[in-house]
Protein backbone atom coordinates (compact mmCIF):
# COMPACT_ATOMS: atom_id res chain seq x y z
CA UNK A 1 111.99 60.11 122.14
CA UNK A 2 111.21 58.91 125.65
CA UNK A 3 108.32 56.67 126.39
CA UNK A 4 105.72 58.17 128.64
CA UNK A 5 103.71 56.19 131.18
CA UNK A 6 99.99 56.93 131.11
CA UNK A 7 98.75 59.06 133.97
CA UNK A 8 102.19 60.52 134.86
CA UNK A 9 103.37 63.97 133.86
CA UNK A 10 107.14 64.22 133.60
CA UNK A 11 106.91 68.00 134.41
CA UNK A 12 104.79 67.43 137.61
CA UNK A 13 107.61 68.12 140.05
CA UNK A 14 108.63 71.30 138.23
CA UNK A 15 106.74 74.50 137.91
CA UNK A 16 105.79 74.83 134.28
CA UNK A 17 107.06 77.91 132.52
CA UNK A 18 108.93 79.12 135.55
CA UNK A 19 112.18 79.56 133.66
CA UNK A 20 110.45 81.79 131.04
CA UNK A 21 108.13 83.57 133.45
CA UNK A 22 109.22 86.94 134.80
CA UNK A 23 109.03 87.61 138.55
CA UNK A 24 105.54 88.73 139.67
CA UNK A 25 103.96 87.29 136.50
CA UNK A 26 100.88 84.97 137.08
CA UNK A 27 101.50 81.23 136.30
CA UNK A 28 99.90 79.77 133.25
CA UNK A 29 96.82 77.50 133.47
CA UNK A 30 98.54 74.13 133.19
CA UNK A 31 100.87 75.02 136.12
CA UNK A 32 97.89 76.14 138.21
CA UNK A 33 96.04 73.00 137.45
CA UNK A 34 99.11 70.90 138.47
CA UNK A 35 99.44 72.78 141.73
CA UNK A 36 95.80 72.36 142.57
CA UNK A 37 95.90 68.61 141.75
CA UNK A 38 99.06 68.17 143.93
CA UNK A 39 97.34 70.03 146.80
CA UNK A 40 94.20 67.87 146.38
CA UNK A 41 96.37 64.72 146.48
CA UNK A 42 98.03 65.93 149.66
CA UNK A 43 94.75 66.81 151.23
CA UNK A 44 93.20 63.46 150.36
CA UNK A 45 96.26 61.64 151.55
CA UNK A 46 96.05 63.52 154.79
CA UNK A 47 92.36 62.81 155.21
CA UNK A 48 92.94 59.07 154.64
CA UNK A 49 95.81 58.97 157.13
CA UNK A 50 93.62 60.77 159.66
CA UNK A 51 90.86 58.29 159.00
CA UNK A 52 93.24 55.34 159.49
CA UNK A 53 94.53 56.74 162.73
CA UNK A 54 91.04 57.37 163.99
CA UNK A 55 90.02 53.84 163.09
CA UNK A 56 93.07 52.41 164.91
CA UNK A 57 92.26 54.60 167.91
CA UNK A 58 88.63 53.41 168.02
CA UNK A 59 89.80 49.79 167.63
CA UNK A 60 92.26 50.11 170.46
CA UNK A 61 89.67 51.89 172.61
CA UNK A 62 87.20 49.11 171.99
CA UNK A 63 89.88 46.52 172.91
CA UNK A 64 90.54 48.42 176.17
CA UNK A 65 86.84 48.67 176.90
CA UNK A 66 86.41 44.90 176.34
CA UNK A 67 89.31 44.09 178.62
CA UNK A 68 88.11 46.58 181.30
CA UNK A 69 84.69 45.14 181.18
CA UNK A 70 85.95 41.60 181.76
CA UNK A 71 88.03 42.76 184.60
CA UNK A 72 85.27 44.71 186.13
CA UNK A 73 83.05 41.65 185.99
CA UNK A 74 85.78 39.53 187.67
CA UNK A 75 86.25 42.10 190.36
CA UNK A 76 82.46 42.16 190.80
CA UNK A 77 82.54 38.54 191.33
CA UNK A 78 85.21 38.99 193.92
CA UNK A 79 83.21 41.67 195.59
CA UNK A 80 80.18 39.37 195.79
CA UNK A 81 82.12 36.38 197.04
CA UNK A 82 83.94 38.34 199.71
CA UNK A 83 80.85 40.23 200.70
CA UNK A 84 78.89 37.03 201.20
CA UNK A 85 81.46 34.44 202.22
CA UNK A 86 83.38 36.85 204.44
CA UNK A 87 80.24 37.57 206.34
CA UNK A 88 79.46 33.93 206.85
CA UNK A 89 82.89 32.43 207.45
CA UNK A 90 84.77 35.22 209.15
CA UNK A 91 81.79 36.13 211.29
CA UNK A 92 81.72 32.69 212.92
CA UNK A 93 85.53 32.51 213.50
CA UNK A 94 85.86 36.14 214.60
CA UNK A 95 82.94 36.03 216.95
CA UNK A 96 84.26 32.87 218.60
CA UNK A 97 87.67 34.36 218.99
CA UNK A 98 86.40 37.74 220.28
CA UNK A 99 84.04 36.02 222.67
CA UNK A 100 86.93 33.96 224.08
CA UNK A 101 88.79 37.38 224.69
CA UNK A 102 85.85 38.58 226.74
CA UNK A 103 84.10 40.89 224.30
CA UNK A 104 80.34 41.17 224.09
CA UNK A 105 78.28 39.72 221.28
CA UNK A 106 77.59 43.14 219.86
CA UNK A 107 81.34 44.15 219.73
CA UNK A 108 82.23 40.77 218.22
CA UNK A 109 79.61 40.99 215.44
CA UNK A 110 80.56 44.61 214.78
CA UNK A 111 84.25 43.91 214.27
CA UNK A 112 83.47 40.99 211.93
CA UNK A 113 81.10 43.25 209.92
CA UNK A 114 83.71 45.92 209.58
CA UNK A 115 86.26 43.52 208.07
CA UNK A 116 83.79 42.27 205.56
CA UNK A 117 82.64 45.70 204.56
CA UNK A 118 86.31 46.81 204.07
CA UNK A 119 87.03 44.02 201.61
CA UNK A 120 83.64 44.68 199.86
CA UNK A 121 84.57 48.41 199.51
CA UNK A 122 87.97 47.55 198.08
CA UNK A 123 86.35 45.29 195.43
CA UNK A 124 83.77 47.93 194.61
CA UNK A 125 86.48 50.61 194.14
CA UNK A 126 88.29 48.31 191.73
CA UNK A 127 85.10 47.79 189.76
CA UNK A 128 84.67 51.55 189.40
CA UNK A 129 88.30 51.93 188.18
CA UNK A 130 87.82 49.37 185.48
CA UNK A 131 84.50 50.68 184.42
CA UNK A 132 86.20 54.11 184.01
CA UNK A 133 88.62 52.53 181.49
CA UNK A 134 85.54 51.39 179.51
CA UNK A 135 84.59 55.02 178.87
CA UNK A 136 86.56 55.40 175.57
CA UNK A 137 87.93 58.68 176.68
CA UNK A 138 90.67 58.93 173.93
CA UNK A 139 88.18 58.37 171.10
CA UNK A 140 85.74 60.93 172.51
CA UNK A 141 88.57 63.45 172.88
CA UNK A 142 89.60 63.05 169.27
CA UNK A 143 86.04 63.19 168.02
CA UNK A 144 85.47 66.38 170.07
CA UNK A 145 88.62 67.86 168.44
CA UNK A 146 87.13 67.06 165.02
CA UNK A 147 83.97 68.85 166.04
CA UNK A 148 81.80 65.71 166.26
CA UNK A 149 79.87 64.45 169.21
CA UNK A 150 80.75 67.51 171.37
CA UNK A 151 80.28 66.82 175.02
CA UNK A 152 79.98 70.47 176.04
CA UNK A 153 76.28 70.94 176.10
CA UNK A 154 74.89 73.87 178.09
CA UNK A 155 71.40 72.45 178.67
CA UNK A 156 71.70 72.51 182.42
CA UNK A 157 70.15 75.60 183.97
CA UNK A 158 72.05 75.26 187.20
CA UNK A 159 75.44 75.12 185.60
CA UNK A 160 77.97 77.78 186.87
CA UNK A 161 80.14 78.01 183.91
CA UNK A 162 78.99 80.54 181.26
CA UNK A 163 79.18 79.59 177.60
CA UNK A 164 82.22 80.65 175.65
CA UNK A 165 82.03 84.14 174.12
CA UNK A 166 81.53 84.32 170.36
CA UNK A 167 83.98 86.41 168.38
CA UNK A 168 82.42 88.72 165.89
CA UNK A 169 83.07 87.98 162.31
CA UNK A 170 84.30 90.78 160.01
CA UNK A 171 83.23 90.79 156.36
């Protein structure tokens, strides 16, 4: 006699009574219960794997958001420093140089201002890029696929896109 481990059925991998069952005959109760239990285990395993994958995605998205927020703050500091110091330092040197070339005060100040604004605009653009990374787009996409936190709200009256058509259900 073989020793049996509690909780394991040695016939679990085989359909019970399939050798004695005629084709087209309904399976007996214990075979049906084993099939339902196996399907439930697979479903639970799949749900747990999906939950783990979603948890890893959210964790990675938060890490990206933290990194992007830090970089955005650093580029914001660069923007402020260049916006202020470029105006003060480059203005004096550029105006002196442009005045020595024979340009008027207005033209000299305008050119210094354009250079400062160009660097400030570059830094502001980099800030917007990194803030976009902090939007957790991958997590929101996956949650929308799961049917949670759907971003497609049709509350705006001036929206041009009509809502999707409903398919009729047949009984």
